[in-house]
Amino acid sequence: MATIATDTLDSQYSAMREGCGVLDRSDRGKLALTGPDALEFLNGQVTNELLDLRAGEGRYAAFLTHKGKMLGDLRILAAGADAGDSPAETAGPPDASSAPAQLLLDTERVALQALFDMIRRFKVGYRVDLHKRTLERGLLSLIGPQADAIAGTDALPNEEHANARTQIAGTPILAVRTDVGVDLLCDATDTQGLLAALRERGATPVCERAAECVRVERGRPRYGIDLDDTVIPQEAGLNERAVSFTKGCYVGQETVARLYYRGKPNRHLRGLALSAPVDTGDELLLGERTVGRVGSFASSPRLGPIALALVRREAPPGATLSVGERGVSAEVVELPFPQD
């Protein structure tokens, strides 16, 4: 990992806390689903309810193995047609109260292949078309309380994943509400021009390490670091955000429902308040017993060294753990970390 000067990290962090930072996240995995059966098909594959989605809305969900373990998580955006899409790709009712013209799927790059394979495997028999968008679409994240002022998206509904098509400096974009600001999806060829326009409006470019401080503080786990194919959504605290217990069947539902109604997860996603920096993957010990491993780590300018981890229930909030063999201690805390 490249070393970043403390004053630079501090200033970028301050921009996201008090103003607006901008981070290029175009390397995230992106797909699109079109066709009259797109909602019905995807609803049978992921953990959240989709059948009531309308254009301009979105959901967060997970997709699972048959045993209920996570293959990845994704943001599902019910959107209108892209300006550059062909009529065949965007066929759908124009009324915003009806089904959307397309579903845009945004996931961690490490989970993209599993998502692509799942769709290709199970869409047989459905009137669904799958389109690659990772290289075709750019993604810029505006983070901070001034995100709407910078992007001109004050009218965007305040619900997470709400989305609308608009323009910034003549560039067509899809603006998407996030928990920390606004994401902007654009044609890949427009990404650098859009970034320049946002900087001119006052957005501060930030690095991923600074943005990770904000994510870890908010207790949002990241697939590929905090989550993998050994994790059931409830262990990661994702039931409220990502799982419907009233929808029809989906892959892995039986395990997820059984744990929710009858069982107790052996692990929970927790925060760690650390005495010194650590590395992802470091062992967490309660006495001589291993109770987890460090997930995402961040050096927060406000809170000091902190991390996320899936910790066994024998180590509840308030417990003190040792990390690895370097004499580092960790207090287990509830998430999110204090925001003020």
Protein backbone atom coordinates (compact mmCIF):
# COMPACT_ATOMS: atom_id res chain seq x y z
CA MET A 1 0.00 0.00 0.00
CA ALA A 2 1.35 3.41 -0.95
CA THR A 3 2.20 5.70 1.96
CA ILE A 4 0.00 8.77 2.24
CA ALA A 5 1.12 11.80 4.26
CA THR A 6 -0.90 12.22 7.45
CA ASP A 7 -1.76 15.84 6.66
CA THR A 8 -3.04 14.79 3.23
CA LEU A 9 -5.19 12.02 4.72
CA ASP A 10 -6.48 14.41 7.37
CA SER A 11 -7.44 17.06 4.82
CA GLN A 12 -9.22 14.54 2.59
CA TYR A 13 -11.07 13.11 5.58
CA SER A 14 -12.09 16.62 6.66
CA ALA A 15 -13.40 17.33 3.16
CA MET A 16 -15.68 14.28 3.38
CA ARG A 17 -16.86 15.21 6.89
CA GLU A 18 -17.43 18.92 6.25
CA GLY A 19 -17.61 19.45 2.48
CA CYS A 20 -17.44 17.00 -0.40
CA GLY A 21 -14.83 14.51 -1.55
CA VAL A 22 -14.86 12.74 -4.91
CA LEU A 23 -13.46 9.25 -5.57
CA ASP A 24 -13.29 7.39 -8.90
CA ARG A 25 -14.82 3.94 -8.38
CA SER A 26 -15.18 3.05 -12.04
CA ASP A 27 -13.48 -0.31 -11.52
CA ARG A 28 -16.50 -1.70 -9.66
CA GLY A 29 -18.36 -4.49 -11.45
CA LYS A 30 -21.39 -3.33 -13.43
CA LEU A 31 -24.05 -5.25 -15.37
CA ALA A 32 -27.49 -4.44 -16.76
CA LEU A 33 -30.59 -6.60 -17.13
CA THR A 34 -33.35 -5.78 -19.60
CA GLY A 35 -36.46 -7.57 -20.82
CA PRO A 36 -40.00 -8.03 -19.51
CA ASP A 37 -39.00 -10.78 -17.05
CA ALA A 38 -35.97 -9.00 -15.55
CA LEU A 39 -37.58 -8.17 -12.19
CA GLU A 40 -39.24 -11.57 -11.77
CA PHE A 41 -36.04 -13.40 -12.66
CA LEU A 42 -33.71 -11.44 -10.39
CA ASN A 43 -36.22 -11.55 -7.54
CA GLY A 44 -35.81 -15.32 -7.49
CA GLN A 45 -32.04 -15.07 -7.20
CA VAL A 46 -31.35 -12.45 -4.53
CA THR A 47 -32.27 -11.95 -0.88
CA ASN A 48 -34.32 -8.74 -1.06
CA GLU A 49 -37.78 -8.04 -2.47
CA LEU A 50 -37.68 -6.55 -5.97
CA LEU A 51 -41.14 -7.04 -7.46
CA ASP A 52 -42.39 -3.70 -6.13
CA LEU A 53 -39.42 -1.73 -7.52
CA ARG A 54 -40.30 1.19 -9.77
CA ALA A 55 -38.14 3.40 -11.94
CA GLY A 56 -36.04 5.70 -9.77
CA GLU A 57 -35.79 3.26 -6.84
CA GLY A 58 -33.19 0.71 -5.81
CA ARG A 59 -32.38 -2.05 -3.35
CA TYR A 60 -29.35 -3.61 -1.71
CA ALA A 61 -29.23 -7.41 -1.72
CA ALA A 62 -27.01 -10.47 -1.53
CA PHE A 63 -26.82 -13.52 -3.76
CA LEU A 64 -26.11 -16.84 -2.10
CA THR A 65 -25.15 -20.46 -2.48
CA HIS A 66 -27.86 -23.07 -1.89
CA LYS A 67 -26.49 -23.32 1.67
CA GLY A 68 -27.12 -19.62 2.31
CA LYS A 69 -23.49 -18.48 2.10
CA MET A 70 -22.71 -15.21 0.33
CA LEU A 71 -21.33 -15.24 -3.20
CA GLY A 72 -21.48 -11.45 -3.23
CA ASP A 73 -23.60 -8.41 -2.54
CA LEU A 74 -24.94 -5.86 -5.00
CA ARG A 75 -26.82 -2.63 -5.48
CA ILE A 76 -29.82 -3.00 -7.80
CA LEU A 77 -30.99 0.21 -9.48
CA ALA A 78 -34.32 0.35 -11.26
CA ALA A 79 -33.51 2.88 -13.96
CA GLY A 80 -34.75 4.31 -17.22
CA ALA A 81 -32.95 3.88 -20.52
CA ASP A 82 -29.36 5.00 -21.03
CA ALA A 83 -29.01 7.61 -23.75
CA GLY A 84 -26.60 5.40 -25.66
CA ASP A 85 -28.58 2.17 -25.43
CA SER A 86 -30.34 0.71 -28.41
CA PRO A 87 -34.17 0.53 -28.48
CA ALA A 88 -33.99 -3.26 -28.22
CA GLU A 89 -32.06 -3.01 -24.95
CA THR A 90 -34.32 -0.46 -23.32
CA ALA A 91 -37.76 -1.67 -24.36
CA GLY A 92 -40.07 -1.05 -21.45
CA PRO A 93 -42.94 1.12 -20.28
CA PRO A 94 -42.09 4.82 -20.04
CA ASP A 95 -44.38 5.41 -17.07
CA ALA A 96 -42.33 5.71 -13.86
CA SER A 97 -45.12 3.90 -11.99
CA SER A 98 -44.48 0.78 -14.08
CA ALA A 99 -41.55 -1.62 -14.23
CA PRO A 100 -38.22 0.04 -15.07
CA ALA A 101 -36.62 -0.10 -18.51
CA GLN A 102 -33.56 -1.81 -17.03
CA LEU A 103 -31.96 -3.01 -13.82
CA LEU A 104 -28.43 -1.77 -13.25
CA LEU A 105 -26.37 -4.07 -11.04
CA ASP A 106 -23.34 -2.71 -9.17
CA THR A 107 -21.07 -5.05 -7.22
CA GLU A 108 -17.54 -5.46 -5.94
CA ARG A 109 -15.22 -6.44 -8.77
CA VAL A 110 -14.24 -9.62 -6.92
CA ALA A 111 -17.89 -10.77 -7.00
CA LEU A 112 -18.59 -9.80 -10.62
CA GLN A 113 -17.79 -13.15 -12.21
CA ALA A 114 -19.98 -15.07 -9.74
CA LEU A 115 -22.86 -12.66 -10.40
CA PHE A 116 -22.40 -12.94 -14.17
CA ASP A 117 -22.26 -16.75 -14.00
CA MET A 118 -25.35 -16.94 -11.78
CA ILE A 119 -27.39 -14.82 -14.19
CA ARG A 120 -26.20 -16.70 -17.27
CA ARG A 121 -26.93 -20.06 -15.66
CA PHE A 122 -30.43 -19.39 -14.34
CA LYS A 123 -31.96 -16.97 -16.83
CA VAL A 124 -32.82 -19.78 -19.27
CA GLY A 125 -36.53 -19.65 -19.96
CA TYR A 126 -36.89 -16.01 -18.92
CA ARG A 127 -37.19 -13.08 -21.31
CA VAL A 128 -34.07 -11.44 -19.94
CA ASP A 129 -31.01 -9.97 -21.65
CA LEU A 130 -27.70 -9.49 -19.85
CA HIS A 131 -25.36 -6.62 -20.75
CA LYS A 132 -21.80 -5.96 -19.57
CA ARG A 133 -21.29 -2.44 -18.25
CA THR A 134 -18.05 -2.52 -16.23
CA LEU A 135 -15.90 -0.99 -18.96
CA GLU A 136 -18.68 1.01 -20.59
CA ARG A 137 -19.72 3.04 -17.51
CA GLY A 138 -17.73 5.27 -15.19
CA LEU A 139 -18.63 5.70 -11.52
CA LEU A 140 -17.70 8.69 -9.37
CA SER A 141 -18.65 8.85 -5.68
CA LEU A 142 -19.34 12.20 -4.03
CA ILE A 143 -18.94 11.82 -0.27
CA GLY A 144 -19.93 14.46 2.24
CA PRO A 145 -22.67 16.90 3.29
CA GLN A 146 -22.08 19.16 0.27
CA ALA A 147 -22.52 16.35 -2.30
CA ASP A 148 -25.94 17.59 -3.42
CA ALA A 149 -24.74 21.16 -3.75
CA ILE A 150 -21.79 20.05 -5.90
CA ALA A 151 -23.86 17.73 -8.11
CA GLY A 152 -27.04 19.79 -8.22
CA THR A 153 -29.06 16.84 -6.94
CA ASP A 154 -31.00 18.48 -4.11
CA ALA A 155 -34.26 17.21 -5.64
CA LEU A 156 -33.11 13.57 -5.54
CA PRO A 157 -35.19 11.69 -2.94
CA ASN A 158 -33.35 11.08 0.32
CA GLU A 159 -33.90 7.30 0.30
CA GLU A 160 -30.72 5.30 -0.27
CA HIS A 161 -30.49 4.00 -3.88
CA ALA A 162 -33.00 6.56 -5.22
CA ASN A 163 -31.82 7.49 -8.72
CA ALA A 164 -32.58 9.93 -11.51
CA ARG A 165 -31.12 10.91 -14.86
CA THR A 166 -29.73 14.43 -15.13
CA GLN A 167 -26.71 16.32 -16.49
CA ILE A 168 -23.63 17.95 -15.02
CA ALA A 169 -21.81 20.43 -17.24
CA GLY A 170 -23.58 18.90 -20.24
CA THR A 171 -22.60 15.32 -19.35
CA PRO A 172 -25.53 12.86 -19.04
CA ILE A 173 -25.41 10.99 -15.73
CA LEU A 174 -27.45 8.74 -13.49
CA ALA A 175 -27.33 10.22 -9.99
CA VAL A 176 -27.79 7.68 -7.17
CA ARG A 177 -28.38 8.47 -3.51
CA THR A 178 -25.94 6.75 -1.11
CA ASP A 179 -25.67 6.70 2.68
CA VAL A 180 -22.83 9.25 2.51
CA GLY A 181 -23.63 11.35 -0.55
CA VAL A 182 -24.31 10.76 -4.25
CA ASP A 183 -22.87 8.37 -6.84
CA LEU A 184 -22.68 9.46 -10.48
CA LEU A 185 -22.79 6.92 -13.30
CA CYS A 186 -21.75 8.13 -16.74
CA ASP A 187 -20.37 6.90 -20.04
CA ALA A 188 -16.79 5.76 -19.48
CA THR A 189 -15.48 8.25 -22.03
CA ASP A 190 -17.01 11.10 -20.01
CA THR A 191 -15.50 10.14 -16.64
CA GLN A 192 -12.44 12.39 -16.65
CA GLY A 193 -14.38 15.37 -17.98
CA LEU A 194 -17.03 14.88 -15.31
CA LEU A 195 -14.34 14.61 -12.63
CA ALA A 196 -12.81 17.90 -13.79
CA ALA A 197 -16.22 19.60 -13.69
CA LEU A 198 -16.83 18.37 -10.13
CA ARG A 199 -13.43 19.65 -9.01
CA GLU A 200 -14.23 23.03 -10.52
CA ARG A 201 -17.42 23.07 -8.46
CA GLY A 202 -15.47 22.48 -5.26
CA ALA A 203 -15.21 18.68 -4.83
CA THR A 204 -11.92 17.55 -3.27
CA PRO A 205 -10.30 14.47 -4.86
CA VAL A 206 -9.80 11.80 -2.19
CA CYS A 207 -7.96 8.49 -2.17
CA GLU A 208 -9.52 5.13 -1.38
CA ARG A 209 -7.71 4.94 1.95
CA ALA A 210 -9.40 8.15 3.12
CA ALA A 211 -12.80 6.97 1.86
CA GLU A 212 -12.31 3.67 3.68
CA CYS A 213 -12.10 5.59 6.97
CA VAL A 214 -15.66 6.81 6.38
CA ARG A 215 -16.91 3.34 5.41
CA VAL A 216 -15.33 1.58 8.39
CA GLU A 217 -16.59 4.22 10.82
CA ARG A 218 -20.12 3.64 9.52
CA GLY A 219 -19.77 -0.12 9.95
CA ARG A 220 -20.45 -1.01 6.32
CA PRO A 221 -18.74 -4.34 5.47
CA ARG A 222 -17.10 -4.89 2.10
CA TYR A 223 -17.31 -8.15 0.18
CA GLY A 224 -13.87 -9.61 -0.45
CA ILE A 225 -12.45 -8.07 2.74
CA ASP A 226 -15.01 -8.45 5.53
CA LEU A 227 -17.34 -10.89 3.77
CA ASP A 228 -16.75 -14.02 1.72
CA ASP A 229 -18.39 -17.30 0.78
CA THR A 230 -18.31 -18.56 4.40
CA VAL A 231 -20.63 -15.79 5.63
CA ILE A 232 -24.41 -15.89 6.09
CA PRO A 233 -26.03 -12.42 5.79
CA GLN A 234 -27.28 -12.37 9.39
CA GLU A 235 -23.73 -12.85 10.71
CA ALA A 236 -22.75 -9.65 8.92
CA GLY A 237 -25.71 -7.67 10.22
CA LEU A 238 -27.26 -7.46 6.74
CA ASN A 239 -30.77 -8.73 7.45
CA GLU A 240 -32.33 -5.29 7.83
CA ARG A 241 -30.66 -3.84 4.74
CA ALA A 242 -30.53 -6.79 2.39
CA VAL A 243 -33.00 -9.55 3.29
CA SER A 244 -36.78 -9.86 2.94
CA PHE A 245 -38.51 -12.50 5.05
CA THR A 246 -41.88 -12.09 3.33
CA LYS A 247 -40.93 -12.57 -0.33
CA GLY A 248 -41.12 -15.77 -2.36
CA CYS A 249 -38.36 -18.32 -2.74
CA TYR A 250 -34.78 -17.46 -3.68
CA VAL A 251 -31.52 -19.38 -3.71
CA GLY A 252 -30.33 -20.03 -0.13
CA GLN A 253 -33.58 -18.88 1.50
CA GLU A 254 -34.08 -21.95 3.67
CA THR A 255 -30.82 -21.50 5.59
CA VAL A 256 -31.29 -17.74 5.98
CA ALA A 257 -34.86 -18.12 7.26
CA ARG A 258 -33.99 -20.98 9.63
CA LEU A 259 -31.20 -18.99 11.26
CA TYR A 260 -33.43 -15.93 11.59
CA TYR A 261 -36.42 -17.68 13.14
CA ARG A 262 -34.84 -20.51 15.11
CA GLY A 263 -31.14 -20.00 15.58
CA LYS A 264 -28.45 -17.64 16.80
CA PRO A 265 -25.48 -16.79 14.59
CA ASN A 266 -22.12 -17.91 15.93
CA ARG A 267 -20.49 -14.70 14.67
CA HIS A 268 -21.40 -11.03 14.50
CA LEU A 269 -19.92 -8.12 12.59
CA ARG A 270 -18.29 -5.87 15.17
CA GLY A 271 -16.04 -2.85 15.37
CA LEU A 272 -12.59 -2.98 16.87
CA ALA A 273 -11.05 0.00 18.69
CA LEU A 274 -7.34 -0.78 18.41
CA SER A 275 -4.27 0.23 20.40
CA ALA A 276 -2.12 0.27 17.24
CA PRO A 277 -2.40 -0.41 13.48
CA VAL A 278 -2.97 -4.01 12.37
CA ASP A 279 -3.27 -5.90 9.10
CA THR A 280 -6.32 -7.46 7.48
CA GLY A 281 -6.29 -11.16 8.32
CA ASP A 282 -4.60 -10.80 11.71
CA GLU A 283 -5.89 -13.32 14.25
CA LEU A 284 -8.14 -12.14 17.10
CA LEU A 285 -7.70 -13.96 20.40
CA LEU A 286 -9.85 -14.05 23.53
CA GLY A 287 -7.40 -15.54 25.97
CA GLU A 288 -5.93 -18.41 23.97
CA ARG A 289 -8.99 -18.97 21.79
CA THR A 290 -9.27 -17.63 18.24
CA VAL A 291 -12.54 -15.71 17.90
CA GLY A 292 -12.06 -14.06 14.51
CA ARG A 293 -9.75 -12.23 12.14
CA VAL A 294 -9.35 -8.57 11.31
CA GLY A 295 -11.31 -7.43 8.23
CA SER A 296 -11.18 -3.84 7.01
CA PHE A 297 -8.64 -1.64 8.83
CA ALA A 298 -8.55 2.16 8.83
CA SER A 299 -6.46 4.83 10.55
CA SER A 300 -9.23 7.29 11.33
CA PRO A 301 -8.04 10.86 11.94
CA ARG A 302 -10.90 11.17 14.46
CA LEU A 303 -11.01 7.76 16.17
CA GLY A 304 -7.49 6.39 15.66
CA PRO A 305 -6.88 2.83 14.45
CA ILE A 306 -10.17 0.96 13.97
CA ALA A 307 -11.32 -2.13 12.12
CA LEU A 308 -14.24 -4.36 11.26
CA ALA A 309 -14.29 -8.06 12.05
CA LEU A 310 -16.61 -11.04 12.22
CA VAL A 311 -16.22 -12.00 15.88
CA ARG A 312 -17.56 -15.08 17.62
CA ARG A 313 -20.37 -14.41 20.10
CA GLU A 314 -18.14 -15.44 23.02
CA ALA A 315 -16.52 -11.99 22.58
CA PRO A 316 -19.39 -9.49 23.03
CA PRO A 317 -19.08 -5.69 22.88
CA GLY A 318 -16.84 -4.56 25.71
CA ALA A 319 -14.52 -7.58 25.49
CA THR A 320 -10.81 -6.98 25.06
CA LEU A 321 -8.99 -9.10 22.49
CA SER A 322 -5.36 -9.47 21.55
CA VAL A 323 -4.39 -9.14 17.89
CA GLY A 324 -1.74 -11.41 16.46
CA GLU A 325 1.56 -11.60 18.32
CA ARG A 326 2.56 -7.93 18.38
CA GLY A 327 1.00 -6.91 21.66
CA VAL A 328 -1.88 -5.00 20.04
CA SER A 329 -5.16 -4.95 21.94
CA ALA A 330 -8.66 -4.48 20.55
CA GLU A 331 -11.87 -3.50 22.32
CA VAL A 332 -14.97 -5.02 20.69
CA VAL A 333 -17.58 -2.31 20.01
CA GLU A 334 -21.06 -2.09 18.55
CA LEU A 335 -21.43 -0.64 15.06
CA PRO A 336 -21.49 1.97 13.78
CA PHE A 337 -18.60 3.74 15.47
CA PRO A 338 -19.52 7.11 17.06
CA GLN A 339 -20.27 9.58 14.27
CA ASP A 340 -19.67 12.81 16.21
